[in-house]
Amino acid sequence: MDTTFTQKPAGQIADEIEYKIIGDDLQLLEVYLDPGETVISEAGAMIYMNSDVRLDTQLGTGADTSIFGKLMSAGKRMLTGESLFLATFTASGSKKTMVAFGAPYPGHIVAMDLRKYNGEIICQKDSFICAANGIDVNMTFSKKLGVGFFGGEGFILEKLTGDGLAFIHAGGSIIEKELATGETLKIDTGCIAAFTSNVQYDIQMVGSIKSAFFGGEGLFFATLTGPGKVWLQSLPFSRMARRIFAAAPQGGGKQVGEGSLLGGIASMIGGD
C-alpha cells in the first residue's frame, strides 16, 4: 500500500481521504485513511477493514456538536426509520490503512466532492454510504405540501453538507444531467438519486385522469428545475422490490421453470 500521506488544504474541515471503487454492477468502495483520519458511514455498510482501523459509533454528525444538536439529528433519523447512530472508522496506527464498504443492491457508487457543489448535495433517503469525517449527514423534509402528500420516496431526503468527499449509491445505471436556468425535468420520484441544492424540487400531477389511471406511471411526477446538476438512477430499489415480490409465489407470482417436467412435479408437491 502507498505510504504517502495526504494533507488537507488549510481551512478545510473534512478529512482529505483517498478511495477506489471496485467492480461494475455490485460495486465495492475502498477508503484509504492516513493516521488519525476518520470516515463515517451508515450502520452495516462496512465489508472489511484492516486491523489498525478503530470502529466506533457516534450520535449525530456535523458542525453542531452540542448535545441538543446531536439529539435533534438523531431524532430526525429515528423518525425516518434510520439508525440513531452512525459508524465511525478511524486510522489508529502509524501508517496508511484501509476500510471497505459495499453497495446494498445492484447499481453504482458515486463519489461526490462537495466543494464542487457549493458544499451541499440533496440525495434520496438510504442512498448515503459513507463520507469523510467533518461532513454533516442530516435528514431533511421537503417544505412543499404537494411533495409531502404525494412525493412518496422523494419526501424524506438526506442533506450532505461540508467541504470533502461523500459517497452515495444509485440503483442500476447512473445518469447525470446539467439543467439550465428554468429547464425542468419530469421524473419518477424513485428515480432521483441526488441533486444540487440550487435545483427546485416539486411534485406535479400527470396530465390527464386517463393517463393517471391507465398510463402505468402513477399519479404524480417529480419535477426538478434548474439551474443545477441532477443524478438519476435507472433502477430504484423500491421498483426492484415490487417486481421481486410480485414474482414470488406468496405474492401471487408463479415459480420460475414451471414449463419443465421437474417444475410441474415440484408445483404439485408444494401445492402450487
C-alpha atoms as a PDB file:
ATOM      1  CA  MET A   1       0.000   0.000   0.000  1.00  0.00           C
ATOM      2  CA  ASP A   2       1.178   3.525  -0.800  1.00  0.00           C
ATOM      3  CA  THR A   3       2.532   5.149   2.382  1.00  0.00           C
ATOM      4  CA  THR A   4       2.421   8.734   1.059  1.00  0.00           C
ATOM      5  CA  PHE A   5       0.232  10.802   3.368  1.00  0.00           C
ATOM      6  CA  THR A   6      -2.159  13.411   2.032  1.00  0.00           C
ATOM      7  CA  GLN A   7      -2.522  16.838   3.630  1.00  0.00           C
ATOM      8  CA  LYS A   8      -5.881  18.598   3.628  1.00  0.00           C
ATOM      9  CA  PRO A   9      -5.892  22.229   2.456  1.00  0.00           C
ATOM     10  CA  ALA A  10      -5.694  24.949   5.081  1.00  0.00           C
ATOM     11  CA  GLY A  11      -9.128  25.820   6.434  1.00  0.00           C
ATOM     12  CA  GLN A  12     -10.766  22.591   5.269  1.00  0.00           C
ATOM     13  CA  ILE A  13     -12.835  20.859   7.954  1.00  0.00           C
ATOM     14  CA  ALA A  14     -13.406  17.427   6.391  1.00  0.00           C
ATOM     15  CA  ASP A  15     -10.596  14.863   6.325  1.00  0.00           C
ATOM     16  CA  GLU A  16      -8.821  14.506   2.965  1.00  0.00           C
ATOM     17  CA  ILE A  17      -9.431  10.807   2.256  1.00  0.00           C
ATOM     18  CA  GLU A  18      -8.480   8.674  -0.759  1.00  0.00           C
ATOM     19  CA  TYR A  19     -10.621   5.961  -2.341  1.00  0.00           C
ATOM     20  CA  LYS A  20     -11.008   3.321  -5.047  1.00  0.00           C
ATOM     21  CA  ILE A  21     -14.292   1.989  -6.492  1.00  0.00           C
ATOM     22  CA  ILE A  22     -14.091  -1.699  -7.441  1.00  0.00           C
ATOM     23  CA  GLY A  23     -16.448  -3.684  -9.699  1.00  0.00           C
ATOM     24  CA  ASP A  24     -19.135  -2.920 -12.255  1.00  0.00           C
ATOM     25  CA  ASP A  25     -22.698  -3.511 -11.008  1.00  0.00           C
ATOM     26  CA  LEU A  26     -22.214  -4.817  -7.465  1.00  0.00           C
ATOM     27  CA  GLN A  27     -19.586  -2.306  -6.517  1.00  0.00           C
ATOM     28  CA  LEU A  28     -17.240  -2.063  -3.578  1.00  0.00           C
ATOM     29  CA  LEU A  29     -15.633   1.085  -2.167  1.00  0.00           C
ATOM     30  CA  GLU A  30     -12.193   1.033  -0.521  1.00  0.00           C
ATOM     31  CA  VAL A  31     -11.322   4.140   1.525  1.00  0.00           C
ATOM     32  CA  TYR A  32      -7.689   4.803   2.483  1.00  0.00           C
ATOM     33  CA  LEU A  33      -7.034   6.680   5.712  1.00  0.00           C
ATOM     34  CA  ASP A  34      -3.904   8.406   6.960  1.00  0.00           C
ATOM     35  CA  PRO A  35      -3.177   8.157  10.713  1.00  0.00           C
ATOM     36  CA  GLY A  36      -5.889   9.929  12.680  1.00  0.00           C
ATOM     37  CA  GLU A  37      -8.305  10.274   9.746  1.00  0.00           C
ATOM     38  CA  THR A  38     -11.905   9.081  10.084  1.00  0.00           C
ATOM     39  CA  VAL A  39     -14.684   8.071   7.717  1.00  0.00           C
ATOM     40  CA  ILE A  40     -18.346   7.931   8.823  1.00  0.00           C
ATOM     41  CA  SER A  41     -20.921   5.520   7.398  1.00  0.00           C
ATOM     42  CA  GLU A  42     -24.397   4.118   7.821  1.00  0.00           C
ATOM     43  CA  ALA A  43     -24.549   1.148  10.161  1.00  0.00           C
ATOM     44  CA  GLY A  44     -23.973  -2.143   8.345  1.00  0.00           C
ATOM     45  CA  ALA A  45     -22.227  -0.703   5.273  1.00  0.00           C
ATOM     46  CA  MET A  46     -18.728  -1.922   6.168  1.00  0.00           C
ATOM     47  CA  ILE A  47     -17.462  -5.039   4.363  1.00  0.00           C
ATOM     48  CA  TYR A  48     -13.880  -5.418   5.663  1.00  0.00           C
ATOM     49  CA  MET A  49     -11.112  -3.346   7.232  1.00  0.00           C
ATOM     50  CA  ASN A  50      -7.505  -3.558   8.342  1.00  0.00           C
ATOM     51  CA  SER A  51      -6.722  -4.433  11.946  1.00  0.00           C
ATOM     52  CA  ASP A  52      -5.451  -0.933  12.764  1.00  0.00           C
ATOM     53  CA  VAL A  53      -8.839   0.669  11.978  1.00  0.00           C
ATOM     54  CA  ARG A  54     -10.838   1.503  15.111  1.00  0.00           C
ATOM     55  CA  LEU A  55     -14.614   1.101  14.884  1.00  0.00           C
ATOM     56  CA  ASP A  56     -16.842   3.320  16.980  1.00  0.00           C
ATOM     57  CA  THR A  57     -20.304   4.933  16.839  1.00  0.00           C
ATOM     58  CA  GLN A  58     -21.480   8.494  17.207  1.00  0.00           C
ATOM     59  CA  LEU A  59     -24.795  10.227  17.759  1.00  0.00           C
ATOM     60  CA  GLY A  60     -25.370  12.769  15.017  1.00  0.00           C
ATOM     61  CA  THR A  61     -22.831  14.449  12.751  1.00  0.00           C
ATOM     62  CA  GLY A  62     -21.807  17.841  11.532  1.00  0.00           C
ATOM     63  CA  ALA A  63     -20.942  21.276  12.798  1.00  0.00           C
ATOM     64  CA  ASP A  64     -23.427  21.288  15.688  1.00  0.00           C
ATOM     65  CA  THR A  65     -21.531  19.232  18.254  1.00  0.00           C
ATOM     66  CA  SER A  66     -23.750  20.205  21.192  1.00  0.00           C
ATOM     67  CA  ILE A  67     -25.801  17.528  22.937  1.00  0.00           C
ATOM     68  CA  PHE A  68     -29.011  19.223  21.774  1.00  0.00           C
ATOM     69  CA  GLY A  69     -27.798  19.337  18.162  1.00  0.00           C
ATOM     70  CA  LYS A  70     -26.807  15.678  18.202  1.00  0.00           C
ATOM     71  CA  LEU A  71     -30.135  14.673  19.763  1.00  0.00           C
ATOM     72  CA  MET A  72     -32.043  16.637  17.123  1.00  0.00           C
ATOM     73  CA  SER A  73     -30.045  14.942  14.344  1.00  0.00           C
ATOM     74  CA  ALA A  74     -30.607  11.502  15.880  1.00  0.00           C
ATOM     75  CA  GLY A  75     -34.318  12.251  16.371  1.00  0.00           C
ATOM     76  CA  LYS A  76     -34.772  13.020  12.681  1.00  0.00           C
ATOM     77  CA  ARG A  77     -33.041   9.761  11.769  1.00  0.00           C
ATOM     78  CA  MET A  78     -35.272   7.788  14.150  1.00  0.00           C
ATOM     79  CA  LEU A  79     -38.456   9.356  12.727  1.00  0.00           C
ATOM     80  CA  THR A  80     -37.451   8.314   9.211  1.00  0.00           C
ATOM     81  CA  GLY A  81     -36.612   4.738  10.199  1.00  0.00           C
ATOM     82  CA  GLU A  82     -32.824   5.160  10.147  1.00  0.00           C
ATOM     83  CA  SER A  83     -30.422   4.034  12.850  1.00  0.00           C
ATOM     84  CA  LEU A  84     -29.861   6.529  15.672  1.00  0.00           C
ATOM     85  CA  PHE A  85     -26.097   6.120  15.363  1.00  0.00           C
ATOM     86  CA  LEU A  86     -23.581   6.375  12.550  1.00  0.00           C
ATOM     87  CA  ALA A  87     -20.480   4.182  12.457  1.00  0.00           C
ATOM     88  CA  THR A  88     -17.023   5.794  12.517  1.00  0.00           C
ATOM     89  CA  PHE A  89     -13.797   4.183  11.290  1.00  0.00           C
ATOM     90  CA  THR A  90     -10.529   5.801  12.395  1.00  0.00           C
ATOM     91  CA  ALA A  91      -6.943   5.005  11.385  1.00  0.00           C
ATOM     92  CA  SER A  92      -5.428   4.341  14.810  1.00  0.00           C
ATOM     93  CA  GLY A  93      -1.981   3.152  13.705  1.00  0.00           C
ATOM     94  CA  SER A  94       1.112   4.921  12.379  1.00  0.00           C
ATOM     95  CA  LYS A  95       0.637   4.102   8.689  1.00  0.00           C
ATOM     96  CA  LYS A  96      -1.973   4.438   5.976  1.00  0.00           C
ATOM     97  CA  THR A  97      -4.764   1.900   6.339  1.00  0.00           C
ATOM     98  CA  MET A  98      -7.996   0.876   4.622  1.00  0.00           C
ATOM     99  CA  VAL A  99     -11.695   0.164   5.228  1.00  0.00           C
ATOM    100  CA  ALA A 100     -14.141  -1.082   2.575  1.00  0.00           C
ATOM    101  CA  PHE A 101     -17.874  -0.503   2.141  1.00  0.00           C
ATOM    102  CA  GLY A 102     -20.375  -2.335  -0.042  1.00  0.00           C
ATOM    103  CA  ALA A 103     -23.393  -1.256  -2.069  1.00  0.00           C
ATOM    104  CA  PRO A 104     -26.705  -2.637  -0.695  1.00  0.00           C
ATOM    105  CA  TYR A 105     -28.106  -3.718  -4.100  1.00  0.00           C
ATOM    106  CA  PRO A 106     -27.065  -3.696  -7.806  1.00  0.00           C
ATOM    107  CA  GLY A 107     -26.070  -0.274  -9.007  1.00  0.00           C
ATOM    108  CA  HIS A 108     -23.219   2.204  -8.902  1.00  0.00           C
ATOM    109  CA  ILE A 109     -21.331   4.086  -6.224  1.00  0.00           C
ATOM    110  CA  VAL A 110     -20.903   7.796  -6.916  1.00  0.00           C
ATOM    111  CA  ALA A 111     -18.116   9.854  -5.342  1.00  0.00           C
ATOM    112  CA  MET A 112     -19.090  13.477  -4.745  1.00  0.00           C
ATOM    113  CA  ASP A 113     -16.637  16.212  -3.820  1.00  0.00           C
ATOM    114  CA  LEU A 114     -18.964  18.657  -2.064  1.00  0.00           C
ATOM    115  CA  ARG A 115     -16.518  21.511  -2.690  1.00  0.00           C
ATOM    116  CA  LYS A 116     -17.585  21.411  -6.348  1.00  0.00           C
ATOM    117  CA  TYR A 117     -21.279  21.864  -5.468  1.00  0.00           C
ATOM    118  CA  ASN A 118     -21.250  24.811  -3.071  1.00  0.00           C
ATOM    119  CA  GLY A 119     -20.819  22.460  -0.145  1.00  0.00           C
ATOM    120  CA  GLU A 120     -24.210  20.757  -0.288  1.00  0.00           C
ATOM    121  CA  ILE A 121     -25.945  17.847  -2.027  1.00  0.00           C
ATOM    122  CA  ILE A 122     -29.525  16.583  -1.536  1.00  0.00           C
ATOM    123  CA  CYS A 123     -29.942  12.831  -2.073  1.00  0.00           C
ATOM    124  CA  GLN A 124     -32.545  10.121  -1.696  1.00  0.00           C
ATOM    125  CA  LYS A 125     -33.070   8.574   1.720  1.00  0.00           C
ATOM    126  CA  ASP A 126     -30.993   5.383   2.071  1.00  0.00           C
ATOM    127  CA  SER A 127     -28.579   6.330  -0.741  1.00  0.00           C
ATOM    128  CA  PHE A 128     -25.788   7.563   1.565  1.00  0.00           C
ATOM    129  CA  ILE A 129     -22.917   5.079   2.072  1.00  0.00           C
ATOM    130  CA  CYS A 130     -20.103   6.980   3.769  1.00  0.00           C
ATOM    131  CA  ALA A 131     -18.252  10.301   3.911  1.00  0.00           C
ATOM    132  CA  ALA A 132     -15.091  11.894   5.218  1.00  0.00           C
ATOM    133  CA  ASN A 133     -15.215  12.944   8.844  1.00  0.00           C
ATOM    134  CA  GLY A 134     -16.451  16.533   9.013  1.00  0.00           C
ATOM    135  CA  ILE A 135     -19.313  16.054   6.550  1.00  0.00           C
ATOM    136  CA  ASP A 136     -22.746  16.741   8.044  1.00  0.00           C
ATOM    137  CA  VAL A 137     -25.220  13.928   7.249  1.00  0.00           C
ATOM    138  CA  ASN A 138     -28.744  15.031   8.098  1.00  0.00           C
ATOM    139  CA  MET A 139     -32.328  14.243   7.193  1.00  0.00           C
ATOM    140  CA  THR A 140     -34.349  16.962   5.511  1.00  0.00           C
ATOM    141  CA  PHE A 141     -38.023  17.190   4.612  1.00  0.00           C
ATOM    142  CA  SER A 142     -39.491  18.917   1.592  1.00  0.00           C
ATOM    143  CA  LYS A 143     -41.208  22.164   2.570  1.00  0.00           C
ATOM    144  CA  LYS A 144     -43.863  21.897  -0.149  1.00  0.00           C
ATOM    145  CA  LEU A 145     -47.217  20.320   0.714  1.00  0.00           C
ATOM    146  CA  GLY A 146     -47.503  18.660  -2.694  1.00  0.00           C
ATOM    147  CA  VAL A 147     -44.241  16.835  -2.157  1.00  0.00           C
ATOM    148  CA  GLY A 148     -45.233  15.921   1.394  1.00  0.00           C
ATOM    149  CA  PHE A 149     -48.568  14.367   0.490  1.00  0.00           C
ATOM    150  CA  PHE A 150     -47.702  12.792  -2.869  1.00  0.00           C
ATOM    151  CA  GLY A 151     -43.928  12.615  -3.113  1.00  0.00           C
ATOM    152  CA  GLY A 152     -43.598   9.094  -1.735  1.00  0.00           C
ATOM    153  CA  GLU A 153     -39.909   8.179  -1.760  1.00  0.00           C
ATOM    154  CA  GLY A 154     -38.913  11.753  -2.527  1.00  0.00           C
ATOM    155  CA  PHE A 155     -40.475  13.375   0.528  1.00  0.00           C
ATOM    156  CA  ILE A 156     -37.766  12.397   3.022  1.00  0.00           C
ATOM    157  CA  LEU A 157     -34.339  13.315   1.711  1.00  0.00           C
ATOM    158  CA  GLU A 158     -30.782  13.367   3.033  1.00  0.00           C
ATOM    159  CA  LYS A 159     -28.684  16.516   3.032  1.00  0.00           C
ATOM    160  CA  LEU A 160     -24.894  16.159   2.845  1.00  0.00           C
ATOM    161  CA  THR A 161     -23.061  19.345   3.794  1.00  0.00           C
ATOM    162  CA  GLY A 162     -19.350  20.077   4.038  1.00  0.00           C
ATOM    163  CA  ASP A 163     -16.075  20.507   2.182  1.00  0.00           C
ATOM    164  CA  GLY A 164     -14.941  16.958   1.442  1.00  0.00           C
ATOM    165  CA  LEU A 165     -15.828  13.643  -0.164  1.00  0.00           C
ATOM    166  CA  ALA A 166     -19.148  11.843   0.263  1.00  0.00           C
ATOM    167  CA  PHE A 167     -20.309   8.623  -1.413  1.00  0.00           C
ATOM    168  CA  ILE A 168     -23.829   7.634  -2.410  1.00  0.00           C
ATOM    169  CA  HIS A 169     -25.294   4.576  -4.129  1.00  0.00           C
ATOM    170  CA  ALA A 170     -27.631   4.684  -7.131  1.00  0.00           C
ATOM    171  CA  GLY A 171     -29.619   1.670  -8.353  1.00  0.00           C
ATOM    172  CA  GLY A 172     -28.991   0.428 -11.889  1.00  0.00           C
ATOM    173  CA  SER A 173     -27.205   2.898 -14.128  1.00  0.00           C
ATOM    174  CA  ILE A 174     -26.422   6.469 -13.073  1.00  0.00           C
ATOM    175  CA  ILE A 175     -27.344   9.339 -15.399  1.00  0.00           C
ATOM    176  CA  GLU A 176     -26.005  12.857 -14.866  1.00  0.00           C
ATOM    177  CA  LYS A 177     -27.947  15.874 -16.143  1.00  0.00           C
ATOM    178  CA  GLU A 178     -26.920  19.528 -16.072  1.00  0.00           C
ATOM    179  CA  LEU A 179     -30.070  21.664 -16.036  1.00  0.00           C
ATOM    180  CA  ALA A 180     -30.007  25.179 -17.431  1.00  0.00           C
ATOM    181  CA  THR A 181     -31.824  28.034 -15.709  1.00  0.00           C
ATOM    182  CA  GLY A 182     -35.572  27.372 -15.983  1.00  0.00           C
ATOM    183  CA  GLU A 183     -35.094  23.938 -17.565  1.00  0.00           C
ATOM    184  CA  THR A 184     -37.418  21.339 -15.983  1.00  0.00           C
ATOM    185  CA  LEU A 185     -37.127  17.573 -15.934  1.00  0.00           C
ATOM    186  CA  LYS A 186     -40.105  15.330 -15.049  1.00  0.00           C
ATOM    187  CA  ILE A 187     -39.017  12.177 -13.245  1.00  0.00           C
ATOM    188  CA  ASP A 188     -40.493   9.218 -11.396  1.00  0.00           C
ATOM    189  CA  THR A 189     -39.950  10.126  -7.739  1.00  0.00           C
ATOM    190  CA  GLY A 190     -37.944   6.978  -7.009  1.00  0.00           C
ATOM    191  CA  CYS A 191     -35.540   7.583  -9.890  1.00  0.00           C
ATOM    192  CA  ILE A 192     -33.966  10.689  -8.361  1.00  0.00           C
ATOM    193  CA  ALA A 193     -30.607   9.798  -6.815  1.00  0.00           C
ATOM    194  CA  ALA A 194     -29.346  13.281  -5.917  1.00  0.00           C
ATOM    195  CA  PHE A 195     -29.345  16.936  -6.936  1.00  0.00           C
ATOM    196  CA  THR A 196     -27.545  20.134  -6.029  1.00  0.00           C
ATOM    197  CA  SER A 197     -29.205  22.421  -3.511  1.00  0.00           C
ATOM    198  CA  ASN A 198     -29.961  25.161  -6.081  1.00  0.00           C
ATOM    199  CA  VAL A 199     -32.301  22.821  -8.030  1.00  0.00           C
ATOM    200  CA  GLN A 200     -36.009  23.408  -7.308  1.00  0.00           C
ATOM    201  CA  TYR A 201     -37.891  20.208  -6.367  1.00  0.00           C
ATOM    202  CA  ASP A 202     -41.657  19.815  -6.595  1.00  0.00           C
ATOM    203  CA  ILE A 203     -44.425  17.316  -7.423  1.00  0.00           C
ATOM    204  CA  GLN A 204     -46.718  17.610 -10.453  1.00  0.00           C
ATOM    205  CA  MET A 205     -49.778  15.569 -11.383  1.00  0.00           C
ATOM    206  CA  VAL A 206     -49.776  13.525 -14.577  1.00  0.00           C
ATOM    207  CA  GLY A 207     -51.513  15.420 -17.400  1.00  0.00           C
ATOM    208  CA  SER A 208     -54.956  13.786 -17.535  1.00  0.00           C
ATOM    209  CA  ILE A 209     -57.119  11.460 -15.441  1.00  0.00           C
ATOM    210  CA  LYS A 210     -56.926   8.845 -18.184  1.00  0.00           C
ATOM    211  CA  SER A 211     -53.131   8.969 -18.233  1.00  0.00           C
ATOM    212  CA  ALA A 212     -53.014   8.870 -14.442  1.00  0.00           C
ATOM    213  CA  PHE A 213     -55.140   5.730 -14.110  1.00  0.00           C
ATOM    214  CA  PHE A 214     -54.144   3.793 -17.241  1.00  0.00           C
ATOM    215  CA  GLY A 215     -50.658   5.032 -18.067  1.00  0.00           C
ATOM    216  CA  GLY A 216     -48.954   2.781 -15.545  1.00  0.00           C
ATOM    217  CA  GLU A 217     -46.656   5.549 -14.312  1.00  0.00           C
ATOM    218  CA  GLY A 218     -48.568   6.620 -11.208  1.00  0.00           C
ATOM    219  CA  LEU A 219     -50.472   9.796 -10.432  1.00  0.00           C
ATOM    220  CA  PHE A 220     -47.536  12.143  -9.876  1.00  0.00           C
ATOM    221  CA  PHE A 221     -44.126  13.025 -11.248  1.00  0.00           C
ATOM    222  CA  ALA A 222     -41.287  14.800  -9.514  1.00  0.00           C
ATOM    223  CA  THR A 223     -40.165  17.968 -11.249  1.00  0.00           C
ATOM    224  CA  LEU A 224     -36.608  19.274 -10.999  1.00  0.00           C
ATOM    225  CA  THR A 225     -35.970  22.789 -12.297  1.00  0.00           C
ATOM    226  CA  GLY A 226     -32.533  24.250 -12.936  1.00  0.00           C
ATOM    227  CA  PRO A 227     -30.027  25.660 -12.756  1.00  0.00           C
ATOM    228  CA  GLY A 228     -28.107  22.805 -11.194  1.00  0.00           C
ATOM    229  CA  LYS A 229     -26.930  19.239 -11.526  1.00  0.00           C
ATOM    230  CA  VAL A 230     -29.082  16.118 -11.161  1.00  0.00           C
ATOM    231  CA  TRP A 231     -28.103  12.458 -10.735  1.00  0.00           C
ATOM    232  CA  LEU A 232     -30.743   9.900 -11.783  1.00  0.00           C
ATOM    233  CA  GLN A 233     -30.921   6.146 -11.155  1.00  0.00           C
ATOM    234  CA  SER A 234     -32.443   3.745 -13.660  1.00  0.00           C
ATOM    235  CA  LEU A 235     -33.468   1.094 -11.100  1.00  0.00           C
ATOM    236  CA  PRO A 236     -34.626   2.381  -7.704  1.00  0.00           C
ATOM    237  CA  PHE A 237     -34.691  -0.325  -5.048  1.00  0.00           C
ATOM    238  CA  SER A 238     -38.452   0.112  -4.461  1.00  0.00           C
ATOM    239  CA  ARG A 239     -39.180  -0.760  -8.098  1.00  0.00           C
ATOM    240  CA  MET A 240     -36.947  -3.830  -7.966  1.00  0.00           C
ATOM    241  CA  ALA A 241     -38.521  -4.943  -4.666  1.00  0.00           C
ATOM    242  CA  ARG A 242     -42.046  -4.667  -6.118  1.00  0.00           C
ATOM    243  CA  ARG A 243     -41.084  -6.853  -9.085  1.00  0.00           C
ATOM    244  CA  ILE A 244     -39.459  -9.458  -6.835  1.00  0.00           C
ATOM    245  CA  PHE A 245     -42.488  -9.545  -4.536  1.00  0.00           C
ATOM    246  CA  ALA A 246     -44.895  -9.847  -7.481  1.00  0.00           C
ATOM    247  CA  ALA A 247     -42.883 -12.754  -8.922  1.00  0.00           C
ATOM    248  CA  ALA A 248     -42.649 -14.622  -5.608  1.00  0.00           C
ATOM    249  CA  PRO A 249     -45.276 -17.378  -5.043  1.00  0.00           C
ATOM    250  CA  GLN A 250     -46.564 -15.745  -1.843  1.00  0.00           C
ATOM    251  CA  GLY A 251     -47.072 -12.508  -3.763  1.00  0.00           C
ATOM    252  CA  GLY A 252     -49.171 -14.110  -6.459  1.00  0.00           C
ATOM    253  CA  GLY A 253     -46.403 -14.909  -8.902  1.00  0.00           C
ATOM    254  CA  LYS A 254     -45.521 -18.308 -10.338  1.00  0.00           C
ATOM    255  CA  GLN A 255     -42.410 -20.383  -9.844  1.00  0.00           C
ATOM    256  CA  VAL A 256     -39.619 -19.979 -12.351  1.00  0.00           C
ATOM    257  CA  GLY A 257     -39.252 -23.095 -14.511  1.00  0.00           C
ATOM    258  CA  GLU A 258     -42.897 -24.160 -14.373  1.00  0.00           C
ATOM    259  CA  GLY A 259     -42.667 -25.164 -18.019  1.00  0.00           C
ATOM    260  CA  SER A 260     -40.341 -28.079 -17.262  1.00  0.00           C
ATOM    261  CA  LEU A 261     -41.319 -31.542 -16.029  1.00  0.00           C
ATOM    262  CA  LEU A 262     -39.438 -31.109 -12.749  1.00  0.00           C
ATOM    263  CA  GLY A 263     -41.018 -27.706 -12.263  1.00  0.00           C
ATOM    264  CA  GLY A 264     -44.512 -29.192 -12.675  1.00  0.00           C
ATOM    265  CA  ILE A 265     -43.827 -32.003 -10.221  1.00  0.00           C
ATOM    266  CA  ALA A 266     -42.430 -29.548  -7.681  1.00  0.00           C
ATOM    267  CA  SER A 267     -45.512 -27.379  -8.052  1.00  0.00           C
ATOM    268  CA  MET A 268     -47.856 -30.326  -7.410  1.00  0.00           C
ATOM    269  CA  ILE A 269     -45.893 -31.390  -4.310  1.00  0.00           C
ATOM    270  CA  GLY A 270     -45.749 -27.849  -2.997  1.00  0.00           C
ATOM    271  CA  GLY A 271     -49.414 -27.174  -3.604  1.00  0.00           C
ATOM    272  CA  ASP A 272     -48.851 -24.558  -6.326  1.00  0.00           C
END
